[in-house]
Amino acid sequence: MNNLRIFIAWIWVAVPLGWGVYQSVNKSMPLFGGAAKPVAVPVK
């Protein structure tokens, strides 16, 4: 029973923490050159 409580507590903390880290990395990708939208360069 105690192991189950510890497991549930870890899940309770890990899921929102993981989601927050995922969102932070996703939003910071353009700063580091990843997942940026391509820029149209005019041809001369």
PDB file of N, CA and C in Angstrom:
ATOM      1  N   MET A   1       0.826  -1.204   0.000  1.00  0.00           N
ATOM      2  CA  MET A   1       0.000   0.000   0.000  1.00  0.00           C
ATOM      3  C   MET A   1       0.862   1.256   0.000  1.00  0.00           C
ATOM      4  N   ASN A   2       1.947   1.224   0.768  1.00  0.00           N
ATOM      5  CA  ASN A   2       2.817   2.382   0.846  1.00  0.00           C
ATOM      6  C   ASN A   2       3.503   2.640  -0.498  1.00  0.00           C
ATOM      7  N   ASN A   3       3.902   1.560  -1.192  1.00  0.00           N
ATOM      8  CA  ASN A   3       4.541   1.714  -2.499  1.00  0.00           C
ATOM      9  C   ASN A   3       3.573   2.330  -3.504  1.00  0.00           C
ATOM     10  N   LEU A   4       2.321   1.961  -3.424  1.00  0.00           N
ATOM     11  CA  LEU A   4       1.307   2.515  -4.319  1.00  0.00           C
ATOM     12  C   LEU A   4       1.136   4.013  -4.072  1.00  0.00           C
ATOM     13  N   ARG A   5       1.136   4.418  -2.824  1.00  0.00           N
ATOM     14  CA  ARG A   5       1.003   5.851  -2.496  1.00  0.00           C
ATOM     15  C   ARG A   5       2.198   6.644  -3.026  1.00  0.00           C
ATOM     16  N   ILE A   6       3.383   6.084  -2.890  1.00  0.00           N
ATOM     17  CA  ILE A   6       4.589   6.766  -3.394  1.00  0.00           C
ATOM     18  C   ILE A   6       4.523   6.879  -4.912  1.00  0.00           C
ATOM     19  N   PHE A   7       4.093   5.805  -5.578  1.00  0.00           N
ATOM     20  CA  PHE A   7       3.968   5.822  -7.033  1.00  0.00           C
ATOM     21  C   PHE A   7       2.971   6.883  -7.487  1.00  0.00           C
ATOM     22  N   ILE A   8       1.824   6.937  -6.831  1.00  0.00           N
ATOM     23  CA  ILE A   8       0.796   7.935  -7.181  1.00  0.00           C
ATOM     24  C   ILE A   8       1.314   9.350  -6.926  1.00  0.00           C
ATOM     25  N   ALA A   9       2.055   9.535  -5.845  1.00  0.00           N
ATOM     26  CA  ALA A   9       2.615  10.858  -5.559  1.00  0.00           C
ATOM     27  C   ALA A   9       3.609  11.278  -6.643  1.00  0.00           C
ATOM     28  N   TRP A  10       4.448  10.340  -7.088  1.00  0.00           N
ATOM     29  CA  TRP A  10       5.397  10.662  -8.166  1.00  0.00           C
ATOM     30  C   TRP A  10       4.671  11.019  -9.454  1.00  0.00           C
ATOM     31  N   ILE A  11       3.633  10.260  -9.788  1.00  0.00           N
ATOM     32  CA  ILE A  11       2.855  10.561 -10.998  1.00  0.00           C
ATOM     33  C   ILE A  11       2.180  11.920 -10.865  1.00  0.00           C
ATOM     34  N   TRP A  12       1.647  12.205  -9.671  1.00  0.00           N
ATOM     35  CA  TRP A  12       0.956  13.466  -9.397  1.00  0.00           C
ATOM     36  C   TRP A  12       1.876  14.659  -9.643  1.00  0.00           C
ATOM     37  N   VAL A  13       3.150  14.507  -9.362  1.00  0.00           N
ATOM     38  CA  VAL A  13       4.122  15.583  -9.545  1.00  0.00           C
ATOM     39  C   VAL A  13       4.738  15.540 -10.943  1.00  0.00           C
ATOM     40  N   ALA A  14       5.036  14.348 -11.445  1.00  0.00           N
ATOM     41  CA  ALA A  14       5.792  14.211 -12.689  1.00  0.00           C
ATOM     42  C   ALA A  14       4.997  14.614 -13.927  1.00  0.00           C
ATOM     43  N   VAL A  15       3.713  14.331 -13.956  1.00  0.00           N
ATOM     44  CA  VAL A  15       2.924  14.638 -15.158  1.00  0.00           C
ATOM     45  C   VAL A  15       2.824  16.146 -15.392  1.00  0.00           C
ATOM     46  N   PRO A  16       2.409  16.961 -14.431  1.00  0.00           N
ATOM     47  CA  PRO A  16       2.373  18.405 -14.676  1.00  0.00           C
ATOM     48  C   PRO A  16       3.771  19.002 -14.888  1.00  0.00           C
ATOM     49  N   LEU A  17       4.758  18.468 -14.180  1.00  0.00           N
ATOM     50  CA  LEU A  17       6.125  18.955 -14.366  1.00  0.00           C
ATOM     51  C   LEU A  17       6.614  18.660 -15.772  1.00  0.00           C
ATOM     52  N   GLY A  18       6.378  17.459 -16.240  1.00  0.00           N
ATOM     53  CA  GLY A  18       6.763  17.087 -17.602  1.00  0.00           C
ATOM     54  C   GLY A  18       6.059  17.935 -18.643  1.00  0.00           C
ATOM     55  N   TRP A  19       4.787  18.203 -18.425  1.00  0.00           N
ATOM     56  CA  TRP A  19       4.021  19.043 -19.364  1.00  0.00           C
ATOM     57  C   TRP A  19       4.591  20.464 -19.398  1.00  0.00           C
ATOM     58  N   GLY A  20       4.944  20.996 -18.241  1.00  0.00           N
ATOM     59  CA  GLY A  20       5.517  22.334 -18.187  1.00  0.00           C
ATOM     60  C   GLY A  20       6.873  22.411 -18.869  1.00  0.00           C
ATOM     61  N   VAL A  21       7.703  21.404 -18.668  1.00  0.00           N
ATOM     62  CA  VAL A  21       9.011  21.371 -19.339  1.00  0.00           C
ATOM     63  C   VAL A  21       8.815  21.262 -20.844  1.00  0.00           C
ATOM     64  N   TYR A  22       7.891  20.416 -21.268  1.00  0.00           N
ATOM     65  CA  TYR A  22       7.603  20.268 -22.701  1.00  0.00           C
ATOM     66  C   TYR A  22       7.156  21.592 -23.314  1.00  0.00           C
ATOM     67  N   GLN A  23       6.266  22.296 -22.650  1.00  0.00           N
ATOM     68  CA  GLN A  23       5.789  23.586 -23.164  1.00  0.00           C
ATOM     69  C   GLN A  23       6.914  24.620 -23.213  1.00  0.00           C
ATOM     70  N   SER A  24       7.768  24.640 -22.189  1.00  0.00           N
ATOM     71  CA  SER A  24       8.879  25.595 -22.158  1.00  0.00           C
ATOM     72  C   SER A  24       9.857  25.337 -23.288  1.00  0.00           C
ATOM     73  N   VAL A  25      10.182  24.077 -23.507  1.00  0.00           N
ATOM     74  CA  VAL A  25      11.111  23.733 -24.595  1.00  0.00           C
ATOM     75  C   VAL A  25      10.478  24.068 -25.940  1.00  0.00           C
ATOM     76  N   ASN A  26       9.205  23.772 -26.089  1.00  0.00           N
ATOM     77  CA  ASN A  26       8.513  24.052 -27.340  1.00  0.00           C
ATOM     78  C   ASN A  26       8.511  25.548 -27.656  1.00  0.00           C
ATOM     79  N   LYS A  27       8.272  26.375 -26.659  1.00  0.00           N
ATOM     80  CA  LYS A  27       8.205  27.815 -26.887  1.00  0.00           C
ATOM     81  C   LYS A  27       9.574  28.447 -27.058  1.00  0.00           C
ATOM     82  N   SER A  28      10.635  27.806 -26.560  1.00  0.00           N
ATOM     83  CA  SER A  28      11.975  28.386 -26.680  1.00  0.00           C
ATOM     84  C   SER A  28      12.717  27.905 -27.926  1.00  0.00           C
ATOM     85  N   MET A  29      12.171  26.959 -28.671  1.00  0.00           N
ATOM     86  CA  MET A  29      12.859  26.425 -29.850  1.00  0.00           C
ATOM     87  C   MET A  29      13.223  27.499 -30.877  1.00  0.00           C
ATOM     88  N   PRO A  30      12.365  28.466 -31.184  1.00  0.00           N
ATOM     89  CA  PRO A  30      12.764  29.488 -32.164  1.00  0.00           C
ATOM     90  C   PRO A  30      13.980  30.313 -31.711  1.00  0.00           C
ATOM     91  N   LEU A  31      14.207  30.430 -30.425  1.00  0.00           N
ATOM     92  CA  LEU A  31      15.361  31.181 -29.939  1.00  0.00           C
ATOM     93  C   LEU A  31      16.670  30.499 -30.294  1.00  0.00           C
ATOM     94  N   PHE A  32      16.644  29.184 -30.405  1.00  0.00           N
ATOM     95  CA  PHE A  32      17.856  28.419 -30.656  1.00  0.00           C
ATOM     96  C   PHE A  32      17.924  27.876 -32.073  1.00  0.00           C
ATOM     97  N   GLY A  33      17.049  28.359 -32.939  1.00  0.00           N
ATOM     98  CA  GLY A  33      17.118  27.990 -34.346  1.00  0.00           C
ATOM     99  C   GLY A  33      16.397  26.707 -34.701  1.00  0.00           C
ATOM    100  N   GLY A  34      15.689  26.102 -33.790  1.00  0.00           N
ATOM    101  CA  GLY A  34      14.966  24.880 -34.100  1.00  0.00           C
ATOM    102  C   GLY A  34      13.495  25.173 -34.315  1.00  0.00           C
ATOM    103  N   ALA A  35      12.886  24.460 -35.226  1.00  0.00           N
ATOM    104  CA  ALA A  35      11.453  24.541 -35.509  1.00  0.00           C
ATOM    105  C   ALA A  35      11.009  25.957 -35.877  1.00  0.00           C
ATOM    106  N   ALA A  36      11.909  26.721 -36.494  1.00  0.00           N
ATOM    107  CA  ALA A  36      11.544  28.070 -36.925  1.00  0.00           C
ATOM    108  C   ALA A  36      10.873  27.991 -38.295  1.00  0.00           C
ATOM    109  N   LYS A  37       9.983  28.921 -38.541  1.00  0.00           N
ATOM    110  CA  LYS A  37       9.326  28.964 -39.839  1.00  0.00           C
ATOM    111  C   LYS A  37      10.326  29.468 -40.880  1.00  0.00           C
ATOM    112  N   PRO A  38      10.343  28.855 -42.067  1.00  0.00           N
ATOM    113  CA  PRO A  38      11.275  29.323 -43.103  1.00  0.00           C
ATOM    114  C   PRO A  38      10.922  30.731 -43.573  1.00  0.00           C
ATOM    115  N   VAL A  39      11.932  31.509 -43.816  1.00  0.00           N
ATOM    116  CA  VAL A  39      11.748  32.886 -44.265  1.00  0.00           C
ATOM    117  C   VAL A  39      11.933  32.918 -45.769  1.00  0.00           C
ATOM    118  N   ALA A  40      10.986  33.540 -46.473  1.00  0.00           N
ATOM    119  CA  ALA A  40      11.081  33.661 -47.914  1.00  0.00           C
ATOM    120  C   ALA A  40      12.132  34.714 -48.273  1.00  0.00           C
ATOM    121  N   VAL A  41      13.119  34.308 -49.052  1.00  0.00           N
ATOM    122  CA  VAL A  41      14.171  35.227 -49.486  1.00  0.00           C
ATOM    123  C   VAL A  41      13.889  35.609 -50.932  1.00  0.00           C
ATOM    124  N   PRO A  42      13.765  36.921 -51.204  1.00  0.00           N
ATOM    125  CA  PRO A  42      13.481  37.338 -52.591  1.00  0.00           C
ATOM    126  C   PRO A  42      14.669  37.039 -53.489  1.00  0.00           C
ATOM    127  N   VAL A  43      14.374  36.565 -54.696  1.00  0.00           N
ATOM    128  CA  VAL A  43      15.407  36.230 -55.689  1.00  0.00           C
ATOM    129  C   VAL A  43      15.655  37.456 -56.538  1.00  0.00           C
ATOM    130  N   LYS A  44      16.944  37.803 -56.721  1.00  0.00           N
ATOM    131  CA  LYS A  44      17.281  38.981 -57.522  1.00  0.00           C
ATOM    132  C   LYS A  44      17.709  38.598 -58.904  1.00  0.00           C
TER     133      LYS A  44
END
